[in-house]
Amino acid sequence: VEELLPAARHIEVQLLGDGAEVVHLHERDCSVQRRRQKQVETSPARNLPSSLRERLFSDALAIGSAVGYRSAGTVEFLVAAGPASAPAPRYVFLEANPRIQVEHTVSEEATG
């Protein structure tokens, strides 16, 4: 059973792992989509509370560490719409993509 999160944001966290350690290369906002295809991606995600950003990073790193991740990949989340001032916006895990994606260049531009 999947949960419906109307007007949710699609936030991705880029990971790099060497089998022993996993790091993140920040997040991308991939919410602008048409027919489930990403049209615009931005990094960093605008108006994302820093506490939520840190929780997303922590959960993405936990997923990568739990499997001894070795490669470049992405952990994707849906973040419930709501006021940016909400104390703990709700989010759910969407999927993990264990491969390089076309969006990785957005993270590369953002991180240098």
C-alpha atoms as a PDB file:
ATOM      1  CA  VAL A   1       0.000   0.000   0.000  1.00  0.00           C
ATOM      2  CA  GLU A   2       1.405   3.363  -1.007  1.00  0.00           C
ATOM      3  CA  GLU A   3       0.586   6.544   0.820  1.00  0.00           C
ATOM      4  CA  LEU A   4      -0.870   9.476  -1.106  1.00  0.00           C
ATOM      5  CA  LEU A   5       0.984  12.726  -0.485  1.00  0.00           C
ATOM      6  CA  PRO A   6      -0.837  15.329  -2.584  1.00  0.00           C
ATOM      7  CA  ALA A   7       1.344  18.125  -3.964  1.00  0.00           C
ATOM      8  CA  ALA A   8       4.462  16.474  -2.531  1.00  0.00           C
ATOM      9  CA  ARG A   9       7.970  17.578  -3.417  1.00  0.00           C
ATOM     10  CA  HIS A  10      10.324  15.046  -5.004  1.00  0.00           C
ATOM     11  CA  ILE A  11      13.685  15.416  -3.234  1.00  0.00           C
ATOM     12  CA  GLU A  12      16.720  13.282  -4.107  1.00  0.00           C
ATOM     13  CA  VAL A  13      19.940  12.840  -2.143  1.00  0.00           C
ATOM     14  CA  GLN A  14      23.029  11.898  -4.144  1.00  0.00           C
ATOM     15  CA  LEU A  15      25.321   9.307  -2.559  1.00  0.00           C
ATOM     16  CA  LEU A  16      28.871   8.145  -3.194  1.00  0.00           C
ATOM     17  CA  GLY A  17      30.145   5.033  -1.480  1.00  0.00           C
ATOM     18  CA  ASP A  18      33.327   2.958  -1.509  1.00  0.00           C
ATOM     19  CA  GLY A  19      31.935  -0.110   0.262  1.00  0.00           C
ATOM     20  CA  ALA A  20      33.101   1.100   3.664  1.00  0.00           C
ATOM     21  CA  GLU A  21      32.047   4.754   3.836  1.00  0.00           C
ATOM     22  CA  VAL A  22      29.179   6.652   2.261  1.00  0.00           C
ATOM     23  CA  VAL A  23      28.953  10.410   1.756  1.00  0.00           C
ATOM     24  CA  HIS A  24      26.228  12.607   0.305  1.00  0.00           C
ATOM     25  CA  LEU A  25      26.564  15.302  -2.327  1.00  0.00           C
ATOM     26  CA  HIS A  26      23.572  17.240  -1.049  1.00  0.00           C
ATOM     27  CA  GLU A  27      20.065  17.195  -2.444  1.00  0.00           C
ATOM     28  CA  ARG A  28      18.200  17.984  -5.633  1.00  0.00           C
ATOM     29  CA  ASP A  29      14.599  19.132  -5.984  1.00  0.00           C
ATOM     30  CA  CYS A  30      13.010  17.256  -8.897  1.00  0.00           C
ATOM     31  CA  SER A  31       9.427  18.336  -8.241  1.00  0.00           C
ATOM     32  CA  VAL A  32       8.763  19.937 -11.629  1.00  0.00           C
ATOM     33  CA  GLN A  33       7.567  16.950 -13.646  1.00  0.00           C
ATOM     34  CA  ARG A  34       5.296  16.206 -16.564  1.00  0.00           C
ATOM     35  CA  ARG A  35       3.897  12.705 -16.983  1.00  0.00           C
ATOM     36  CA  ARG A  36       6.310  11.489 -14.282  1.00  0.00           C
ATOM     37  CA  GLN A  37       9.315  12.787 -16.219  1.00  0.00           C
ATOM     38  CA  LYS A  38      11.549  15.329 -14.512  1.00  0.00           C
ATOM     39  CA  GLN A  39      11.598  18.658 -16.342  1.00  0.00           C
ATOM     40  CA  VAL A  40      13.569  20.943 -14.014  1.00  0.00           C
ATOM     41  CA  GLU A  41      15.987  20.011 -11.243  1.00  0.00           C
ATOM     42  CA  THR A  42      17.582  22.399  -8.796  1.00  0.00           C
ATOM     43  CA  SER A  43      20.241  22.088  -6.146  1.00  0.00           C
ATOM     44  CA  PRO A  44      20.091  23.002  -3.373  1.00  0.00           C
ATOM     45  CA  ALA A  45      16.334  22.581  -2.955  1.00  0.00           C
ATOM     46  CA  ARG A  46      14.787  25.985  -2.293  1.00  0.00           C
ATOM     47  CA  ASN A  47      12.785  26.618   0.871  1.00  0.00           C
ATOM     48  CA  LEU A  48      13.703  23.274   2.393  1.00  0.00           C
ATOM     49  CA  PRO A  49      14.075  23.702   6.168  1.00  0.00           C
ATOM     50  CA  SER A  50      17.616  22.881   7.287  1.00  0.00           C
ATOM     51  CA  SER A  51      16.317  20.444   9.911  1.00  0.00           C
ATOM     52  CA  LEU A  52      14.443  18.512   7.215  1.00  0.00           C
ATOM     53  CA  ARG A  53      17.455  18.619   4.895  1.00  0.00           C
ATOM     54  CA  GLU A  54      19.623  17.085   7.637  1.00  0.00           C
ATOM     55  CA  ARG A  55      17.038  14.354   8.319  1.00  0.00           C
ATOM     56  CA  LEU A  56      16.948  13.466   4.613  1.00  0.00           C
ATOM     57  CA  PHE A  57      20.765  13.325   4.497  1.00  0.00           C
ATOM     58  CA  SER A  58      20.847  11.141   7.617  1.00  0.00           C
ATOM     59  CA  ASP A  59      18.269   8.688   6.287  1.00  0.00           C
ATOM     60  CA  ALA A  60      19.909   8.476   2.854  1.00  0.00           C
ATOM     61  CA  LEU A  61      23.309   7.819   4.451  1.00  0.00           C
ATOM     62  CA  ALA A  62      21.789   5.175   6.733  1.00  0.00           C
ATOM     63  CA  ILE A  63      20.364   3.363   3.701  1.00  0.00           C
ATOM     64  CA  GLY A  64      23.699   3.488   1.884  1.00  0.00           C
ATOM     65  CA  SER A  65      25.674   2.408   4.941  1.00  0.00           C
ATOM     66  CA  ALA A  66      23.309  -0.470   5.723  1.00  0.00           C
ATOM     67  CA  VAL A  67      24.098  -2.118   2.386  1.00  0.00           C
ATOM     68  CA  GLY A  68      27.804  -1.204   2.187  1.00  0.00           C
ATOM     69  CA  TYR A  69      27.067   0.937  -0.848  1.00  0.00           C
ATOM     70  CA  ARG A  70      29.810   1.124  -3.476  1.00  0.00           C
ATOM     71  CA  SER A  71      29.079   3.473  -6.374  1.00  0.00           C
ATOM     72  CA  ALA A  72      27.260   6.691  -7.203  1.00  0.00           C
ATOM     73  CA  GLY A  73      23.535   6.590  -6.620  1.00  0.00           C
ATOM     74  CA  THR A  74      20.449   8.420  -5.502  1.00  0.00           C
ATOM     75  CA  VAL A  75      17.984   7.973  -2.650  1.00  0.00           C
ATOM     76  CA  GLU A  76      14.615   9.565  -3.429  1.00  0.00           C
ATOM     77  CA  PHE A  77      11.974  10.884  -1.046  1.00  0.00           C
ATOM     78  CA  LEU A  78       8.556  12.492  -1.277  1.00  0.00           C
ATOM     79  CA  VAL A  79       8.136  15.433   1.099  1.00  0.00           C
ATOM     80  CA  ALA A  80       4.587  16.360   2.098  1.00  0.00           C
ATOM     81  CA  ALA A  81       3.456  19.828   1.123  1.00  0.00           C
ATOM     82  CA  GLY A  82       2.923  22.213   3.971  1.00  0.00           C
ATOM     83  CA  PRO A  83       4.184  25.432   5.481  1.00  0.00           C
ATOM     84  CA  ALA A  84       7.962  25.790   5.536  1.00  0.00           C
ATOM     85  CA  SER A  85       7.588  26.714   9.211  1.00  0.00           C
ATOM     86  CA  ALA A  86       6.159  23.293  10.112  1.00  0.00           C
ATOM     87  CA  PRO A  87       8.306  21.770  12.894  1.00  0.00           C
ATOM     88  CA  ALA A  88       8.808  18.364  11.236  1.00  0.00           C
ATOM     89  CA  PRO A  89       7.474  18.053   7.682  1.00  0.00           C
ATOM     90  CA  ARG A  90       6.482  14.487   6.840  1.00  0.00           C
ATOM     91  CA  TYR A  91       8.386  12.577   4.182  1.00  0.00           C
ATOM     92  CA  VAL A  92       8.504   9.032   2.848  1.00  0.00           C
ATOM     93  CA  PHE A  93      11.110   6.934   1.075  1.00  0.00           C
ATOM     94  CA  LEU A  94      10.365   6.579  -2.638  1.00  0.00           C
ATOM     95  CA  GLU A  95      13.229   4.543  -4.116  1.00  0.00           C
ATOM     96  CA  ALA A  96      16.978   4.119  -4.392  1.00  0.00           C
ATOM     97  CA  ASN A  97      18.670   4.172  -7.787  1.00  0.00           C
ATOM     98  CA  PRO A  98      22.055   2.409  -7.720  1.00  0.00           C
ATOM     99  CA  ARG A  99      23.402   3.989 -10.870  1.00  0.00           C
ATOM    100  CA  ILE A 100      24.545   7.232 -12.378  1.00  0.00           C
ATOM    101  CA  GLN A 101      21.592   9.239 -13.642  1.00  0.00           C
ATOM    102  CA  VAL A 102      21.410  12.245 -15.923  1.00  0.00           C
ATOM    103  CA  GLU A 103      20.569  14.372 -12.860  1.00  0.00           C
ATOM    104  CA  HIS A 104      23.977  13.714 -11.293  1.00  0.00           C
ATOM    105  CA  THR A 105      25.407  16.618 -13.269  1.00  0.00           C
ATOM    106  CA  VAL A 106      23.121  18.950 -11.300  1.00  0.00           C
ATOM    107  CA  SER A 107      24.808  17.801  -8.073  1.00  0.00           C
ATOM    108  CA  GLU A 108      28.237  18.110  -9.676  1.00  0.00           C
ATOM    109  CA  GLU A 109      27.511  21.715 -10.615  1.00  0.00           C
ATOM    110  CA  ALA A 110      26.285  22.477  -7.093  1.00  0.00           C
ATOM    111  CA  THR A 111      29.256  20.867  -5.320  1.00  0.00           C
ATOM    112  CA  GLY A 112      31.984  21.967  -7.696  1.00  0.00           C
END
